[in-house]
Amino acid sequence: MGRKLTNEIEDEPGEPMVARSKMGDATVSELEVKGIENLTQTEKKHLLLQLSRDRVKDSSAGPWEIVDVFREEWRAVKDTLAQPVEINVRDIGRDAPFQVLMDVTQFERELETQE
């Protein structure tokens, strides 16, 4: 039985996570991202959603390779504590580097450790 983390992410146990952009029909599977296994579930979700949005803009985007991941200390963002994460990615198809920046909240990390 599968579950959905949001209405944009399909995450079924034993199956690769897939993100679908609300902006169009583009989907990205974690199988298309080399090195994604080193990310947490929350980081994977954020990254796949960003990559699916990029694919909407340019259908030739992907596959990708994670080059570096930087995680900063917790800091206050709005009314939550967040851990800024910077992921350097290379679009293998276009041989183009880019960065994905995200704030993973403490609440998301706590949910992740409970799963």
C-alpha atoms as a PDB file:
ATOM      1  CA  MET A   1       0.000   0.000   0.000  1.00  0.00           C
ATOM      2  CA  GLY A   2       1.526   3.311  -1.074  1.00  0.00           C
ATOM      3  CA  ARG A   3       1.428   6.677   0.590  1.00  0.00           C
ATOM      4  CA  LYS A   4       1.912  10.206  -0.602  1.00  0.00           C
ATOM      5  CA  LEU A   5       4.023  12.697   1.319  1.00  0.00           C
ATOM      6  CA  THR A   6       2.305  15.518  -0.564  1.00  0.00           C
ATOM      7  CA  ASN A   7       0.102  15.511  -3.603  1.00  0.00           C
ATOM      8  CA  GLU A   8       3.272  16.037  -5.687  1.00  0.00           C
ATOM      9  CA  ILE A   9       5.431  13.183  -4.370  1.00  0.00           C
ATOM     10  CA  GLU A  10       4.815   9.465  -4.800  1.00  0.00           C
ATOM     11  CA  ASP A  11       6.759   7.498  -2.209  1.00  0.00           C
ATOM     12  CA  GLU A  12       5.811   3.847  -2.069  1.00  0.00           C
ATOM     13  CA  PRO A  13       7.898   1.494   0.076  1.00  0.00           C
ATOM     14  CA  GLY A  14      10.327  -0.434  -2.116  1.00  0.00           C
ATOM     15  CA  GLU A  15       9.752   1.867  -5.083  1.00  0.00           C
ATOM     16  CA  PRO A  16      11.806   4.893  -6.192  1.00  0.00           C
ATOM     17  CA  MET A  17      10.400   8.264  -5.113  1.00  0.00           C
ATOM     18  CA  VAL A  18       8.839  10.256  -7.980  1.00  0.00           C
ATOM     19  CA  ALA A  19       8.038  13.989  -8.022  1.00  0.00           C
ATOM     20  CA  ARG A  20       5.445  15.565 -10.293  1.00  0.00           C
ATOM     21  CA  SER A  21       5.427  19.315 -10.810  1.00  0.00           C
ATOM     22  CA  LYS A  22       2.137  21.157 -10.392  1.00  0.00           C
ATOM     23  CA  MET A  23       3.345  23.537 -13.109  1.00  0.00           C
ATOM     24  CA  GLY A  24       3.120  20.884 -15.824  1.00  0.00           C
ATOM     25  CA  ASP A  25       3.297  17.197 -16.599  1.00  0.00           C
ATOM     26  CA  ALA A  26       7.014  16.746 -15.902  1.00  0.00           C
ATOM     27  CA  THR A  27       8.060  14.000 -13.508  1.00  0.00           C
ATOM     28  CA  VAL A  28      11.456  13.140 -12.055  1.00  0.00           C
ATOM     29  CA  SER A  29      12.358   9.831 -10.440  1.00  0.00           C
ATOM     30  CA  GLU A  30      15.134   9.428  -7.888  1.00  0.00           C
ATOM     31  CA  LEU A  31      16.627   6.895 -10.339  1.00  0.00           C
ATOM     32  CA  GLU A  32      17.559   9.875 -12.535  1.00  0.00           C
ATOM     33  CA  VAL A  33      19.752  11.474  -9.846  1.00  0.00           C
ATOM     34  CA  LYS A  34      23.152   9.908  -9.216  1.00  0.00           C
ATOM     35  CA  GLY A  35      24.172  10.265  -5.556  1.00  0.00           C
ATOM     36  CA  ILE A  36      20.645  10.872  -4.222  1.00  0.00           C
ATOM     37  CA  GLU A  37      20.961   7.893  -1.895  1.00  0.00           C
ATOM     38  CA  ASN A  38      23.137  10.064   0.381  1.00  0.00           C
ATOM     39  CA  LEU A  39      20.278  12.504   1.027  1.00  0.00           C
ATOM     40  CA  THR A  40      17.589  12.204   3.661  1.00  0.00           C
ATOM     41  CA  GLN A  41      13.982  11.561   2.591  1.00  0.00           C
ATOM     42  CA  THR A  42      13.088  15.215   3.183  1.00  0.00           C
ATOM     43  CA  GLU A  43      16.048  16.450   1.153  1.00  0.00           C
ATOM     44  CA  LYS A  44      15.177  14.012  -1.647  1.00  0.00           C
ATOM     45  CA  LYS A  45      11.614  15.334  -1.697  1.00  0.00           C
ATOM     46  CA  HIS A  46      12.720  18.963  -1.956  1.00  0.00           C
ATOM     47  CA  LEU A  47      15.349  18.199  -4.608  1.00  0.00           C
ATOM     48  CA  LEU A  48      13.046  16.088  -6.785  1.00  0.00           C
ATOM     49  CA  LEU A  49      10.349  18.769  -6.694  1.00  0.00           C
ATOM     50  CA  GLN A  50      12.869  21.397  -7.813  1.00  0.00           C
ATOM     51  CA  LEU A  51      14.186  19.164 -10.596  1.00  0.00           C
ATOM     52  CA  SER A  52      10.638  18.460 -11.807  1.00  0.00           C
ATOM     53  CA  ARG A  53       9.981  22.227 -11.965  1.00  0.00           C
ATOM     54  CA  ASP A  54      13.188  22.637 -13.972  1.00  0.00           C
ATOM     55  CA  ARG A  55      12.074  19.886 -16.351  1.00  0.00           C
ATOM     56  CA  VAL A  56       8.808  21.751 -16.952  1.00  0.00           C
ATOM     57  CA  LYS A  57      10.857  24.749 -18.113  1.00  0.00           C
ATOM     58  CA  ASP A  58      13.211  22.616 -20.247  1.00  0.00           C
ATOM     59  CA  SER A  59      12.130  19.092 -21.145  1.00  0.00           C
ATOM     60  CA  SER A  60      15.725  18.139 -22.016  1.00  0.00           C
ATOM     61  CA  ALA A  61      16.816  18.582 -18.380  1.00  0.00           C
ATOM     62  CA  GLY A  62      18.394  15.552 -16.718  1.00  0.00           C
ATOM     63  CA  PRO A  63      19.656  13.107 -15.762  1.00  0.00           C
ATOM     64  CA  TRP A  64      21.519  14.682 -12.849  1.00  0.00           C
ATOM     65  CA  GLU A  65      24.471  14.012 -10.588  1.00  0.00           C
ATOM     66  CA  ILE A  66      24.892  15.408  -7.067  1.00  0.00           C
ATOM     67  CA  VAL A  67      28.331  16.978  -6.743  1.00  0.00           C
ATOM     68  CA  ASP A  68      28.290  18.361  -3.164  1.00  0.00           C
ATOM     69  CA  VAL A  69      25.880  18.762  -0.242  1.00  0.00           C
ATOM     70  CA  PHE A  70      26.362  21.433   2.414  1.00  0.00           C
ATOM     71  CA  ARG A  71      24.248  21.532   5.572  1.00  0.00           C
ATOM     72  CA  GLU A  72      24.419  24.573   7.833  1.00  0.00           C
ATOM     73  CA  GLU A  73      23.589  24.806  11.530  1.00  0.00           C
ATOM     74  CA  TRP A  74      20.016  25.345  12.648  1.00  0.00           C
ATOM     75  CA  ARG A  75      18.846  28.962  12.508  1.00  0.00           C
ATOM     76  CA  ALA A  76      15.551  30.782  12.904  1.00  0.00           C
ATOM     77  CA  VAL A  77      13.607  31.250   9.665  1.00  0.00           C
ATOM     78  CA  LYS A  78      10.259  32.979  10.101  1.00  0.00           C
ATOM     79  CA  ASP A  79       8.646  31.183  13.071  1.00  0.00           C
ATOM     80  CA  THR A  80      10.516  27.886  12.719  1.00  0.00           C
ATOM     81  CA  LEU A  81      13.997  26.534  13.131  1.00  0.00           C
ATOM     82  CA  ALA A  82      15.469  25.546   9.785  1.00  0.00           C
ATOM     83  CA  GLN A  83      18.626  23.892   8.582  1.00  0.00           C
ATOM     84  CA  PRO A  84      19.731  25.471   5.284  1.00  0.00           C
ATOM     85  CA  VAL A  85      20.851  22.861   2.770  1.00  0.00           C
ATOM     86  CA  GLU A  86      22.750  23.620  -0.442  1.00  0.00           C
ATOM     87  CA  ILE A  87      23.002  20.882  -3.049  1.00  0.00           C
ATOM     88  CA  ASN A  88      25.349  21.343  -5.994  1.00  0.00           C
ATOM     89  CA  VAL A  89      24.019  19.373  -8.949  1.00  0.00           C
ATOM     90  CA  ARG A  90      25.288  18.793 -12.470  1.00  0.00           C
ATOM     91  CA  ASP A  91      22.784  18.294 -15.269  1.00  0.00           C
ATOM     92  CA  ILE A  92      24.538  15.475 -17.144  1.00  0.00           C
ATOM     93  CA  GLY A  93      22.421  15.904 -20.291  1.00  0.00           C
ATOM     94  CA  ARG A  94      23.321  19.573 -20.687  1.00  0.00           C
ATOM     95  CA  ASP A  95      26.667  19.376 -18.815  1.00  0.00           C
ATOM     96  CA  ALA A  96      25.559  22.362 -16.741  1.00  0.00           C
ATOM     97  CA  PRO A  97      26.128  22.896 -12.997  1.00  0.00           C
ATOM     98  CA  PHE A  98      23.570  24.576 -10.716  1.00  0.00           C
ATOM     99  CA  GLN A  99      22.599  24.830  -7.053  1.00  0.00           C
ATOM    100  CA  VAL A 100      19.439  23.894  -5.224  1.00  0.00           C
ATOM    101  CA  LEU A 101      18.950  25.767  -1.935  1.00  0.00           C
ATOM    102  CA  MET A 102      16.365  24.721   0.637  1.00  0.00           C
ATOM    103  CA  ASP A 103      15.492  25.149   4.286  1.00  0.00           C
ATOM    104  CA  VAL A 104      14.600  21.861   5.965  1.00  0.00           C
ATOM    105  CA  THR A 105      12.659  22.645   9.124  1.00  0.00           C
ATOM    106  CA  GLN A 106      13.258  20.998  12.470  1.00  0.00           C
ATOM    107  CA  PHE A 107       9.690  19.658  12.283  1.00  0.00           C
ATOM    108  CA  GLU A 108      10.463  17.927   8.955  1.00  0.00           C
ATOM    109  CA  ARG A 109      13.604  16.350  10.451  1.00  0.00           C
ATOM    110  CA  GLU A 110      11.605  15.122  13.476  1.00  0.00           C
ATOM    111  CA  LEU A 111       8.970  13.571  11.205  1.00  0.00           C
ATOM    112  CA  GLU A 112      11.712  11.936   9.221  1.00  0.00           C
ATOM    113  CA  THR A 113      13.282  10.279  12.275  1.00  0.00           C
ATOM    114  CA  GLN A 114       9.884   8.900  13.355  1.00  0.00           C
ATOM    115  CA  GLU A 115       9.333   7.041  10.060  1.00  0.00           C
END
